[in-house]
Amino acid sequence: MSRWSAENVYGTARQGLRSRAAAAVSARARRIRHERLFALTGATAQTRILDIGCGRLGLRRHAPQLDITGVDRVPRPEYPGPFVQADVLEGLPFADAEFDLAYCSSVIEHIAPGDRAAFAAELRRVARGWYVQTPAFSFPIEPHALLPFAHWLPRALRRPYWRLGVAGEWEEIELLRRAEMGALFGAPVAERAGPLVKSWISVRPV
């Protein structure tokens, strides 16, 4: 399985104008998502949240006061709150519906397509509600490499083209279409950049 984390992908990217601009846009988008989180999910200050693929800070970057437990496949000693190192595909060490809400931002696209149903099932098992966001396949800019149309190319062409982007190291990333997101987590809502769908967000309110 590929690495997964909600951390800003541009922190380790090749630095330059593209990556700096994308980091600013990404940070703004995450702030807006956080502002919409409570309205979409019905979460309150008392809601127990599991942040899957939390990275260094994850949702706590915007909501340090909430009851959030972070989960990631790699150690996160700097994570400022309860943290569990675990692989979703190997099973999370939590009881059924132990959390009110599972939060998962920009992670599912890093999971191999054949593993996504199992990943989604485990996420749905441990929480009564969820908020899952992922970049949209239909958006013309591949958000990790910051290259136009990279994700629309056959893999044989995508890999050499990837070297021209900011991501540096090659990673097998398959962005999701609306139908796949809906099958995994329920009908998604669109997060738009002008007239274009930039991301899909599937929500089951708590």
N, C-alpha and C. Protein backbone atom coordinates (compact mmCIF):
# COMPACT_ATOMS: atom_id res chain seq x y z
N MET A 1 0.84 -1.20 0.00
CA MET A 1 0.00 0.00 0.00
C MET A 1 0.87 1.24 0.00
N SER A 2 0.44 2.27 -0.69
CA SER A 2 1.17 3.53 -0.72
C SER A 2 1.09 4.22 0.63
N ARG A 3 1.99 5.16 0.86
CA ARG A 3 1.94 5.95 2.09
C ARG A 3 0.66 6.76 2.10
N TRP A 4 0.16 7.04 3.29
CA TRP A 4 -1.02 7.91 3.36
C TRP A 4 -0.89 8.82 4.55
N SER A 5 -1.30 10.05 4.37
CA SER A 5 -1.21 11.06 5.41
C SER A 5 -1.98 12.28 4.98
N ALA A 6 -2.55 12.99 5.95
CA ALA A 6 -3.26 14.22 5.64
C ALA A 6 -2.32 15.42 5.63
N GLU A 7 -1.03 15.17 5.78
CA GLU A 7 -0.06 16.27 5.82
C GLU A 7 0.01 16.99 4.49
N ASN A 8 0.38 18.24 4.50
CA ASN A 8 0.53 19.03 3.29
C ASN A 8 1.58 18.36 2.38
N VAL A 9 1.16 17.95 1.19
CA VAL A 9 2.07 17.22 0.30
C VAL A 9 3.17 18.11 -0.25
N TYR A 10 3.05 19.42 -0.12
CA TYR A 10 4.05 20.32 -0.70
C TYR A 10 5.19 20.63 0.26
N GLY A 11 5.10 20.14 1.50
CA GLY A 11 6.17 20.39 2.45
C GLY A 11 7.47 19.73 2.05
N THR A 12 7.37 18.57 1.38
CA THR A 12 8.57 17.85 0.95
C THR A 12 8.74 17.90 -0.57
N ALA A 13 7.93 18.73 -1.23
CA ALA A 13 8.02 18.86 -2.68
C ALA A 13 9.21 19.72 -3.07
N ARG A 14 9.57 19.68 -4.36
CA ARG A 14 10.57 20.60 -4.87
C ARG A 14 10.07 22.02 -4.67
N GLN A 15 10.87 22.84 -4.03
CA GLN A 15 10.42 24.17 -3.69
C GLN A 15 10.59 25.12 -4.87
N GLY A 16 9.61 25.95 -5.06
CA GLY A 16 9.60 26.90 -6.16
C GLY A 16 8.27 27.62 -6.15
N LEU A 17 8.02 28.40 -7.17
CA LEU A 17 6.81 29.19 -7.23
C LEU A 17 5.57 28.32 -7.22
N ARG A 18 5.59 27.23 -7.98
CA ARG A 18 4.41 26.35 -8.04
C ARG A 18 4.08 25.76 -6.68
N SER A 19 5.09 25.21 -6.01
CA SER A 19 4.82 24.56 -4.73
C SER A 19 4.42 25.56 -3.65
N ARG A 20 5.03 26.77 -3.67
CA ARG A 20 4.65 27.78 -2.68
C ARG A 20 3.22 28.25 -2.90
N ALA A 21 2.86 28.49 -4.15
CA ALA A 21 1.49 28.91 -4.45
C ALA A 21 0.49 27.82 -4.09
N ALA A 22 0.83 26.57 -4.41
CA ALA A 22 -0.08 25.47 -4.11
C ALA A 22 -0.23 25.27 -2.61
N ALA A 23 0.85 25.45 -1.85
CA ALA A 23 0.77 25.32 -0.40
C ALA A 23 -0.19 26.36 0.18
N ALA A 24 -0.13 27.58 -0.32
CA ALA A 24 -1.03 28.63 0.16
C ALA A 24 -2.48 28.31 -0.19
N VAL A 25 -2.72 27.85 -1.41
CA VAL A 25 -4.08 27.48 -1.82
C VAL A 25 -4.58 26.30 -1.00
N SER A 26 -3.70 25.31 -0.79
CA SER A 26 -4.08 24.14 0.00
C SER A 26 -4.44 24.51 1.43
N ALA A 27 -3.66 25.38 2.04
CA ALA A 27 -3.93 25.80 3.42
C ALA A 27 -5.28 26.51 3.50
N ARG A 28 -5.55 27.35 2.53
CA ARG A 28 -6.84 28.06 2.52
C ARG A 28 -8.00 27.07 2.36
N ALA A 29 -7.84 26.10 1.47
CA ALA A 29 -8.89 25.11 1.26
C ALA A 29 -9.16 24.31 2.53
N ARG A 30 -8.09 23.97 3.25
CA ARG A 30 -8.26 23.20 4.48
C ARG A 30 -8.98 24.03 5.55
N ARG A 31 -8.69 25.32 5.61
CA ARG A 31 -9.40 26.18 6.56
C ARG A 31 -10.89 26.25 6.23
N ILE A 32 -11.19 26.37 4.95
CA ILE A 32 -12.59 26.43 4.54
C ILE A 32 -13.30 25.12 4.84
N ARG A 33 -12.62 24.00 4.60
CA ARG A 33 -13.20 22.70 4.91
C ARG A 33 -13.52 22.59 6.39
N HIS A 34 -12.59 23.07 7.22
CA HIS A 34 -12.83 23.01 8.65
C HIS A 34 -14.05 23.83 9.05
N GLU A 35 -14.20 25.00 8.42
CA GLU A 35 -15.35 25.83 8.73
C GLU A 35 -16.66 25.15 8.34
N ARG A 36 -16.62 24.33 7.28
CA ARG A 36 -17.82 23.62 6.84
C ARG A 36 -18.04 22.32 7.60
N LEU A 37 -17.02 21.85 8.31
CA LEU A 37 -17.08 20.54 8.94
C LEU A 37 -18.27 20.39 9.87
N PHE A 38 -18.47 21.38 10.75
CA PHE A 38 -19.54 21.27 11.73
C PHE A 38 -20.92 21.32 11.07
N ALA A 39 -21.06 22.19 10.07
CA ALA A 39 -22.34 22.29 9.39
C ALA A 39 -22.69 21.01 8.64
N LEU A 40 -21.69 20.40 8.00
CA LEU A 40 -21.94 19.19 7.21
C LEU A 40 -22.16 17.96 8.07
N THR A 41 -21.43 17.86 9.17
CA THR A 41 -21.45 16.62 9.96
C THR A 41 -22.34 16.68 11.19
N GLY A 42 -22.68 17.88 11.66
CA GLY A 42 -23.41 17.99 12.91
C GLY A 42 -22.53 17.80 14.13
N ALA A 43 -21.20 17.83 13.95
CA ALA A 43 -20.28 17.64 15.07
C ALA A 43 -20.36 18.83 16.03
N THR A 44 -20.10 18.55 17.29
CA THR A 44 -20.05 19.58 18.33
C THR A 44 -18.71 19.48 19.05
N ALA A 45 -18.53 20.33 20.03
CA ALA A 45 -17.29 20.31 20.81
C ALA A 45 -17.14 19.01 21.59
N GLN A 46 -18.23 18.27 21.78
CA GLN A 46 -18.19 17.01 22.52
C GLN A 46 -18.00 15.79 21.62
N THR A 47 -17.98 15.98 20.32
CA THR A 47 -17.88 14.87 19.37
C THR A 47 -16.50 14.23 19.44
N ARG A 48 -16.47 12.90 19.56
CA ARG A 48 -15.21 12.16 19.53
C ARG A 48 -14.83 11.90 18.07
N ILE A 49 -13.65 12.40 17.66
CA ILE A 49 -13.24 12.36 16.27
C ILE A 49 -11.97 11.52 16.12
N LEU A 50 -11.95 10.67 15.10
CA LEU A 50 -10.75 9.91 14.74
C LEU A 50 -10.23 10.49 13.43
N ASP A 51 -9.01 11.02 13.44
CA ASP A 51 -8.39 11.64 12.26
C ASP A 51 -7.49 10.60 11.60
N ILE A 52 -7.97 10.00 10.52
CA ILE A 52 -7.26 8.90 9.85
C ILE A 52 -6.29 9.47 8.82
N GLY A 53 -5.01 9.15 8.98
CA GLY A 53 -3.97 9.74 8.14
C GLY A 53 -3.66 11.14 8.61
N CYS A 54 -3.45 11.30 9.92
CA CYS A 54 -3.39 12.62 10.55
C CYS A 54 -2.13 13.40 10.21
N GLY A 55 -1.04 12.71 9.87
CA GLY A 55 0.21 13.43 9.65
C GLY A 55 0.71 14.07 10.93
N ARG A 56 1.47 15.16 10.80
CA ARG A 56 2.05 15.81 11.98
C ARG A 56 1.00 16.51 12.84
N LEU A 57 0.01 17.13 12.21
CA LEU A 57 -0.98 17.93 12.94
C LEU A 57 -2.41 17.58 12.56
N GLY A 58 -2.65 17.35 11.28
CA GLY A 58 -3.98 16.97 10.83
C GLY A 58 -5.05 17.98 11.21
N LEU A 59 -6.19 17.47 11.60
CA LEU A 59 -7.32 18.33 11.97
C LEU A 59 -7.00 19.19 13.19
N ARG A 60 -6.08 18.74 14.01
CA ARG A 60 -5.73 19.53 15.20
C ARG A 60 -5.10 20.89 14.85
N ARG A 61 -4.59 21.00 13.64
CA ARG A 61 -4.05 22.29 13.19
C ARG A 61 -5.12 23.37 13.29
N HIS A 62 -6.36 23.01 13.01
CA HIS A 62 -7.45 23.97 12.99
C HIS A 62 -8.37 23.87 14.21
N ALA A 63 -8.31 22.77 14.93
CA ALA A 63 -9.24 22.57 16.05
C ALA A 63 -8.54 21.89 17.22
N PRO A 64 -7.54 22.54 17.82
CA PRO A 64 -6.77 21.89 18.89
C PRO A 64 -7.59 21.60 20.14
N GLN A 65 -8.75 22.26 20.27
CA GLN A 65 -9.55 22.11 21.47
C GLN A 65 -10.49 20.91 21.41
N LEU A 66 -10.64 20.29 20.25
CA LEU A 66 -11.60 19.20 20.10
C LEU A 66 -11.02 17.87 20.57
N ASP A 67 -11.92 16.90 20.77
CA ASP A 67 -11.55 15.56 21.20
C ASP A 67 -11.16 14.75 19.95
N ILE A 68 -9.91 14.85 19.56
CA ILE A 68 -9.42 14.24 18.33
C ILE A 68 -8.31 13.25 18.65
N THR A 69 -8.42 12.05 18.11
CA THR A 69 -7.36 11.04 18.18
C THR A 69 -6.78 10.87 16.78
N GLY A 70 -5.47 10.98 16.66
CA GLY A 70 -4.82 10.83 15.37
C GLY A 70 -4.39 9.40 15.12
N VAL A 71 -4.45 8.99 13.85
CA VAL A 71 -3.98 7.67 13.43
C VAL A 71 -3.12 7.84 12.19
N ASP A 72 -1.98 7.16 12.15
CA ASP A 72 -1.13 7.18 10.96
C ASP A 72 -0.33 5.89 10.94
N ARG A 73 0.16 5.52 9.74
CA ARG A 73 0.94 4.30 9.60
C ARG A 73 2.36 4.45 10.12
N VAL A 74 2.82 5.68 10.24
CA VAL A 74 4.19 5.92 10.69
C VAL A 74 4.16 6.67 12.02
N PRO A 75 5.23 6.61 12.79
CA PRO A 75 5.25 7.32 14.08
C PRO A 75 5.09 8.83 13.87
N ARG A 76 4.38 9.47 14.77
CA ARG A 76 4.20 10.92 14.74
C ARG A 76 4.47 11.45 16.15
N PRO A 77 5.73 11.45 16.60
CA PRO A 77 6.02 11.86 17.98
C PRO A 77 5.65 13.31 18.26
N GLU A 78 5.55 14.14 17.20
CA GLU A 78 5.23 15.55 17.40
C GLU A 78 3.73 15.81 17.42
N TYR A 79 2.91 14.77 17.21
CA TYR A 79 1.47 14.98 17.15
C TYR A 79 0.95 15.48 18.50
N PRO A 80 0.22 16.59 18.53
CA PRO A 80 -0.16 17.24 19.79
C PRO A 80 -1.46 16.72 20.38
N GLY A 81 -1.53 15.43 20.64
CA GLY A 81 -2.75 14.86 21.21
C GLY A 81 -2.67 13.35 21.20
N PRO A 82 -3.75 12.67 21.57
CA PRO A 82 -3.76 11.20 21.54
C PRO A 82 -3.46 10.70 20.13
N PHE A 83 -2.57 9.71 20.04
CA PHE A 83 -2.14 9.22 18.74
C PHE A 83 -1.97 7.71 18.81
N VAL A 84 -2.37 7.03 17.72
CA VAL A 84 -2.21 5.59 17.60
C VAL A 84 -1.55 5.29 16.26
N GLN A 85 -0.44 4.56 16.29
CA GLN A 85 0.18 4.12 15.05
C GLN A 85 -0.48 2.83 14.62
N ALA A 86 -1.12 2.84 13.47
CA ALA A 86 -1.84 1.66 13.00
C ALA A 86 -2.09 1.77 11.51
N ASP A 87 -2.25 0.62 10.87
CA ASP A 87 -2.56 0.55 9.45
C ASP A 87 -4.03 0.16 9.33
N VAL A 88 -4.81 1.00 8.69
CA VAL A 88 -6.24 0.74 8.55
C VAL A 88 -6.50 -0.62 7.91
N LEU A 89 -5.68 -0.98 6.92
CA LEU A 89 -5.89 -2.24 6.21
C LEU A 89 -5.57 -3.47 7.06
N GLU A 90 -4.85 -3.27 8.14
CA GLU A 90 -4.58 -4.37 9.06
C GLU A 90 -5.55 -4.38 10.24
N GLY A 91 -6.44 -3.41 10.26
CA GLY A 91 -7.44 -3.33 11.33
C GLY A 91 -7.03 -2.32 12.39
N LEU A 92 -7.95 -1.42 12.72
CA LEU A 92 -7.68 -0.42 13.75
C LEU A 92 -8.02 -0.97 15.13
N PRO A 93 -7.26 -0.60 16.15
CA PRO A 93 -7.45 -1.16 17.50
C PRO A 93 -8.57 -0.45 18.26
N PHE A 94 -9.73 -0.34 17.63
CA PHE A 94 -10.87 0.33 18.24
C PHE A 94 -12.10 -0.54 18.08
N ALA A 95 -13.03 -0.38 19.02
CA ALA A 95 -14.29 -1.12 18.96
C ALA A 95 -15.19 -0.55 17.87
N ASP A 96 -16.20 -1.30 17.50
CA ASP A 96 -17.18 -0.82 16.54
C ASP A 96 -17.82 0.47 17.06
N ALA A 97 -17.92 1.47 16.20
CA ALA A 97 -18.57 2.74 16.55
C ALA A 97 -17.99 3.39 17.81
N GLU A 98 -16.69 3.19 18.03
CA GLU A 98 -16.06 3.79 19.21
C GLU A 98 -15.99 5.32 19.09
N PHE A 99 -15.96 5.81 17.86
CA PHE A 99 -15.89 7.26 17.64
C PHE A 99 -17.19 7.76 17.02
N ASP A 100 -17.46 9.03 17.26
CA ASP A 100 -18.64 9.64 16.66
C ASP A 100 -18.40 9.95 15.19
N LEU A 101 -17.16 10.35 14.86
CA LEU A 101 -16.87 10.81 13.50
C LEU A 101 -15.47 10.38 13.09
N ALA A 102 -15.36 9.81 11.89
CA ALA A 102 -14.06 9.55 11.27
C ALA A 102 -13.80 10.66 10.26
N TYR A 103 -12.65 11.31 10.40
CA TYR A 103 -12.25 12.39 9.50
C TYR A 103 -11.07 11.90 8.69
N CYS A 104 -11.15 12.05 7.36
CA CYS A 104 -10.11 11.50 6.49
C CYS A 104 -9.96 12.43 5.29
N SER A 105 -8.88 13.21 5.26
CA SER A 105 -8.70 14.25 4.25
C SER A 105 -7.49 13.95 3.36
N SER A 106 -7.73 13.84 2.06
CA SER A 106 -6.66 13.63 1.07
C SER A 106 -5.81 12.40 1.40
N VAL A 107 -6.50 11.30 1.67
CA VAL A 107 -5.84 10.04 2.01
C VAL A 107 -6.24 8.92 1.06
N ILE A 108 -7.52 8.78 0.77
CA ILE A 108 -8.01 7.60 0.05
C ILE A 108 -7.37 7.46 -1.33
N GLU A 109 -6.96 8.57 -1.95
CA GLU A 109 -6.33 8.47 -3.27
C GLU A 109 -4.95 7.82 -3.21
N HIS A 110 -4.35 7.76 -2.01
CA HIS A 110 -3.06 7.11 -1.84
C HIS A 110 -3.20 5.60 -1.61
N ILE A 111 -4.42 5.13 -1.43
CA ILE A 111 -4.67 3.72 -1.22
C ILE A 111 -4.86 3.04 -2.58
N ALA A 112 -4.22 1.89 -2.76
CA ALA A 112 -4.36 1.15 -4.02
C ALA A 112 -5.84 0.87 -4.28
N PRO A 113 -6.32 1.02 -5.51
CA PRO A 113 -7.74 0.82 -5.80
C PRO A 113 -8.30 -0.50 -5.29
N GLY A 114 -7.51 -1.57 -5.36
CA GLY A 114 -8.00 -2.86 -4.89
C GLY A 114 -8.16 -2.95 -3.38
N ASP A 115 -7.55 -2.02 -2.65
CA ASP A 115 -7.63 -2.02 -1.18
C ASP A 115 -8.65 -1.01 -0.64
N ARG A 116 -9.24 -0.22 -1.52
CA ARG A 116 -10.06 0.89 -1.04
C ARG A 116 -11.35 0.43 -0.36
N ALA A 117 -11.96 -0.64 -0.85
CA ALA A 117 -13.19 -1.11 -0.22
C ALA A 117 -12.93 -1.56 1.22
N ALA A 118 -11.79 -2.25 1.45
CA ALA A 118 -11.44 -2.68 2.80
C ALA A 118 -11.11 -1.48 3.69
N PHE A 119 -10.40 -0.51 3.13
CA PHE A 119 -10.08 0.72 3.88
C PHE A 119 -11.36 1.43 4.29
N ALA A 120 -12.30 1.58 3.36
CA ALA A 120 -13.55 2.26 3.65
C ALA A 120 -14.38 1.50 4.67
N ALA A 121 -14.40 0.19 4.56
CA ALA A 121 -15.18 -0.62 5.51
C ALA A 121 -14.66 -0.47 6.93
N GLU A 122 -13.33 -0.44 7.08
CA GLU A 122 -12.76 -0.29 8.43
C GLU A 122 -13.02 1.11 8.96
N LEU A 123 -12.91 2.12 8.13
CA LEU A 123 -13.24 3.49 8.55
C LEU A 123 -14.69 3.57 9.02
N ARG A 124 -15.60 2.97 8.26
CA ARG A 124 -17.02 3.02 8.61
C ARG A 124 -17.30 2.19 9.87
N ARG A 125 -16.49 1.17 10.10
CA ARG A 125 -16.71 0.32 11.28
C ARG A 125 -16.48 1.06 12.59
N VAL A 126 -15.45 1.88 12.64
CA VAL A 126 -15.03 2.46 13.93
C VAL A 126 -15.75 3.76 14.27
N ALA A 127 -16.58 4.28 13.36
CA ALA A 127 -17.24 5.56 13.62
C ALA A 127 -18.68 5.53 13.13
N ARG A 128 -19.54 6.25 13.83
CA ARG A 128 -20.95 6.32 13.45
C ARG A 128 -21.18 7.27 12.29
N GLY A 129 -20.29 8.23 12.14
CA GLY A 129 -20.38 9.17 11.02
C GLY A 129 -19.00 9.39 10.44
N TRP A 130 -18.94 10.04 9.28
CA TRP A 130 -17.64 10.27 8.67
C TRP A 130 -17.66 11.51 7.78
N TYR A 131 -16.44 12.00 7.55
CA TYR A 131 -16.17 13.11 6.63
C TYR A 131 -14.93 12.70 5.87
N VAL A 132 -15.09 12.40 4.58
CA VAL A 132 -13.98 11.91 3.76
C VAL A 132 -13.84 12.82 2.54
N GLN A 133 -12.66 13.37 2.36
CA GLN A 133 -12.38 14.28 1.24
C GLN A 133 -11.27 13.70 0.38
N THR A 134 -11.36 13.93 -0.93
CA THR A 134 -10.32 13.49 -1.84
C THR A 134 -10.31 14.37 -3.08
N PRO A 135 -9.15 14.61 -3.70
CA PRO A 135 -9.12 15.37 -4.96
C PRO A 135 -9.93 14.66 -6.05
N ALA A 136 -10.56 15.43 -6.91
CA ALA A 136 -11.41 14.88 -7.96
C ALA A 136 -10.60 14.53 -9.21
N PHE A 137 -10.89 13.37 -9.79
CA PHE A 137 -10.24 12.94 -11.02
C PHE A 137 -10.53 13.92 -12.16
N SER A 138 -11.68 14.55 -12.14
CA SER A 138 -12.09 15.43 -13.25
C SER A 138 -11.36 16.77 -13.27
N PHE A 139 -10.70 17.15 -12.16
CA PHE A 139 -10.00 18.43 -12.14
C PHE A 139 -8.74 18.31 -12.99
N PRO A 140 -8.45 19.29 -13.87
CA PRO A 140 -7.38 19.10 -14.86
C PRO A 140 -5.95 19.14 -14.32
N ILE A 141 -5.73 19.67 -13.11
CA ILE A 141 -4.39 19.72 -12.54
C ILE A 141 -4.21 18.59 -11.53
N GLU A 142 -3.23 17.74 -11.74
CA GLU A 142 -2.93 16.70 -10.75
C GLU A 142 -2.38 17.40 -9.51
N PRO A 143 -3.01 17.23 -8.33
CA PRO A 143 -2.68 18.08 -7.19
C PRO A 143 -1.38 17.73 -6.46
N HIS A 144 -0.80 16.58 -6.71
CA HIS A 144 0.42 16.20 -6.01
C HIS A 144 1.66 16.65 -6.81
N ALA A 145 1.64 16.38 -8.11
CA ALA A 145 2.76 16.80 -8.97
C ALA A 145 2.57 18.21 -9.50
N LEU A 146 1.34 18.74 -9.42
CA LEU A 146 1.00 20.05 -9.97
C LEU A 146 1.30 20.12 -11.47
N LEU A 147 0.85 19.08 -12.15
CA LEU A 147 1.02 18.99 -13.60
C LEU A 147 -0.35 18.87 -14.27
N PRO A 148 -0.56 19.58 -15.37
CA PRO A 148 -1.83 19.43 -16.06
C PRO A 148 -1.97 18.05 -16.68
N PHE A 149 -3.14 17.46 -16.45
CA PHE A 149 -3.56 16.21 -17.11
C PHE A 149 -2.72 14.99 -16.74
N ALA A 150 -1.83 15.09 -15.76
CA ALA A 150 -0.95 13.95 -15.45
C ALA A 150 -1.74 12.71 -15.07
N HIS A 151 -2.80 12.88 -14.30
CA HIS A 151 -3.58 11.74 -13.82
C HIS A 151 -4.47 11.14 -14.91
N TRP A 152 -4.59 11.81 -16.05
CA TRP A 152 -5.39 11.30 -17.16
C TRP A 152 -4.55 10.47 -18.13
N LEU A 153 -3.25 10.47 -17.96
CA LEU A 153 -2.36 9.74 -18.87
C LEU A 153 -2.26 8.27 -18.49
N PRO A 154 -1.98 7.39 -19.44
CA PRO A 154 -1.66 6.00 -19.10
C PRO A 154 -0.42 5.98 -18.20
N ARG A 155 -0.34 4.96 -17.37
CA ARG A 155 0.76 4.89 -16.39
C ARG A 155 2.13 4.96 -17.07
N ALA A 156 2.27 4.34 -18.26
CA ALA A 156 3.56 4.34 -18.95
C ALA A 156 4.00 5.75 -19.32
N LEU A 157 3.07 6.65 -19.57
CA LEU A 157 3.41 8.03 -19.88
C LEU A 157 3.44 8.90 -18.64
N ARG A 158 2.63 8.53 -17.66
CA ARG A 158 2.51 9.35 -16.45
C ARG A 158 3.81 9.38 -15.65
N ARG A 159 4.47 8.24 -15.59
CA ARG A 159 5.65 8.17 -14.74
C ARG A 159 6.77 9.09 -15.21
N PRO A 160 7.17 9.10 -16.49
CA PRO A 160 8.21 10.05 -16.91
C PRO A 160 7.74 11.50 -16.83
N TYR A 161 6.47 11.74 -17.11
CA TYR A 161 5.94 13.11 -17.03
C TYR A 161 5.99 13.62 -15.60
N TRP A 162 5.78 12.71 -14.64
CA TRP A 162 5.77 13.05 -13.22
C TRP A 162 7.06 13.76 -12.79
N ARG A 163 8.17 13.41 -13.43
CA ARG A 163 9.47 13.99 -13.07
C ARG A 163 9.51 15.50 -13.30
N LEU A 164 8.61 16.00 -14.14
CA LEU A 164 8.58 17.43 -14.43
C LEU A 164 7.81 18.21 -13.37
N GLY A 165 7.14 17.52 -12.48
CA GLY A 165 6.33 18.17 -11.46
C GLY A 165 7.09 18.45 -10.18
N VAL A 166 6.36 18.89 -9.17
CA VAL A 166 6.99 19.27 -7.91
C VAL A 166 7.10 18.11 -6.92
N ALA A 167 6.42 16.99 -7.20
CA ALA A 167 6.35 15.92 -6.21
C ALA A 167 7.69 15.23 -5.99
N GLY A 168 8.54 15.24 -7.01
CA GLY A 168 9.83 14.57 -6.86
C GLY A 168 9.68 13.08 -7.01
N GLU A 169 9.72 12.36 -5.90
CA GLU A 169 9.64 10.91 -5.90
C GLU A 169 8.31 10.43 -6.48
N TRP A 170 8.38 9.45 -7.34
CA TRP A 170 7.18 8.86 -7.95
C TRP A 170 6.34 8.17 -6.90
N GLU A 171 5.03 8.37 -6.99
CA GLU A 171 4.10 7.63 -6.15
C GLU A 171 2.91 7.23 -7.00
N GLU A 172 2.48 6.00 -6.82
CA GLU A 172 1.33 5.49 -7.56
C GLU A 172 0.06 6.04 -6.93
N ILE A 173 -0.48 7.09 -7.52
CA ILE A 173 -1.69 7.74 -7.00
C ILE A 173 -2.78 7.65 -8.06
N GLU A 174 -3.94 7.16 -7.66
CA GLU A 174 -5.08 7.07 -8.58
C GLU A 174 -6.21 7.91 -8.00
N LEU A 175 -6.48 9.05 -8.62
CA LEU A 175 -7.55 9.91 -8.14
C LEU A 175 -8.91 9.27 -8.39
N LEU A 176 -9.89 9.67 -7.56
CA LEU A 176 -11.20 9.04 -7.58
C LEU A 176 -12.20 9.83 -8.42
N ARG A 177 -13.04 9.10 -9.11
CA ARG A 177 -14.20 9.68 -9.77
C ARG A 177 -15.36 9.71 -8.78
N ARG A 178 -16.37 10.49 -9.13
CA ARG A 178 -17.54 10.65 -8.25
C ARG A 178 -18.19 9.31 -7.94
N ALA A 179 -18.33 8.44 -8.93
CA ALA A 179 -19.00 7.16 -8.72
C ALA A 179 -18.27 6.28 -7.72
N GLU A 180 -16.92 6.25 -7.81
CA GLU A 180 -16.17 5.43 -6.86
C GLU A 180 -16.28 5.98 -5.45
N MET A 181 -16.18 7.29 -5.31
CA MET A 181 -16.32 7.91 -3.99
C MET A 181 -17.69 7.60 -3.40
N GLY A 182 -18.74 7.68 -4.23
CA GLY A 182 -20.08 7.39 -3.76
C GLY A 182 -20.24 5.94 -3.34
N ALA A 183 -19.64 5.02 -4.08
CA ALA A 183 -19.74 3.61 -3.73
C ALA A 183 -19.05 3.30 -2.41
N LEU A 184 -17.98 4.01 -2.12
CA LEU A 184 -17.21 3.75 -0.89
C LEU A 184 -17.84 4.40 0.34
N PHE A 185 -18.30 5.65 0.19
CA PHE A 185 -18.68 6.43 1.36
C PHE A 185 -20.04 7.11 1.26
N GLY A 186 -20.74 6.93 0.16
CA GLY A 186 -22.01 7.62 -0.03
C GLY A 186 -21.85 8.82 -0.94
N ALA A 187 -22.96 9.26 -1.51
CA ALA A 187 -22.95 10.32 -2.52
C ALA A 187 -22.18 11.53 -2.05
N PRO A 188 -21.14 11.95 -2.80
CA PRO A 188 -20.31 13.07 -2.36
C PRO A 188 -20.88 14.42 -2.80
N VAL A 189 -20.47 15.46 -2.09
CA VAL A 189 -20.74 16.83 -2.51
C VAL A 189 -19.46 17.37 -3.14
N ALA A 190 -19.63 18.37 -4.01
CA ALA A 190 -18.50 18.91 -4.75
C ALA A 190 -17.88 20.09 -4.02
N GLU A 191 -16.56 20.11 -3.98
CA GLU A 191 -15.80 21.29 -3.55
C GLU A 191 -15.25 21.89 -4.84
N ARG A 192 -15.63 23.13 -5.15
CA ARG A 192 -15.35 23.69 -6.47
C ARG A 192 -14.24 24.74 -6.44
N ALA A 193 -13.57 24.84 -7.58
CA ALA A 193 -12.66 25.95 -7.87
C ALA A 193 -13.24 26.62 -9.11
N GLY A 194 -14.02 27.68 -8.91
CA GLY A 194 -14.77 28.26 -10.02
C GLY A 194 -15.81 27.27 -10.49
N PRO A 195 -15.91 27.02 -11.80
CA PRO A 195 -16.90 26.07 -12.31
C PRO A 195 -16.47 24.61 -12.22
N LEU A 196 -15.21 24.34 -11.85
CA LEU A 196 -14.66 23.00 -11.86
C LEU A 196 -14.74 22.34 -10.48
N VAL A 197 -14.98 21.04 -10.47
CA VAL A 197 -14.97 20.28 -9.23
C VAL A 197 -13.53 19.95 -8.88
N LYS A 198 -13.06 20.49 -7.75
CA LYS A 198 -11.69 20.27 -7.31
C LYS A 198 -11.55 19.04 -6.42
N SER A 199 -12.56 18.82 -5.56
CA SER A 199 -12.52 17.70 -4.62
C SER A 199 -13.93 17.15 -4.43
N TRP A 200 -13.97 15.91 -3.96
CA TRP A 200 -15.22 15.29 -3.53
C TRP A 200 -15.20 15.12 -2.02
N ILE A 201 -16.33 15.35 -1.38
CA ILE A 201 -16.46 15.17 0.06
C ILE A 201 -17.70 14.34 0.33
N SER A 202 -17.51 13.17 0.94
CA SER A 202 -18.63 12.32 1.36
C SER A 202 -18.81 12.45 2.85
N VAL A 203 -20.05 12.63 3.28
CA VAL A 203 -20.35 12.87 4.68
C VAL A 203 -21.50 11.98 5.14
N ARG A 204 -21.34 11.39 6.29
CA ARG A 204 -22.46 10.81 7.02
C ARG A 204 -22.53 11.56 8.36
N PRO A 205 -23.54 12.37 8.56
CA PRO A 205 -23.61 13.17 9.79
C PRO A 205 -23.65 12.30 11.03
N VAL A 206 -23.14 12.84 12.12
CA VAL A 206 -23.14 12.10 13.38
C VAL A 206 -24.53 12.18 14.01
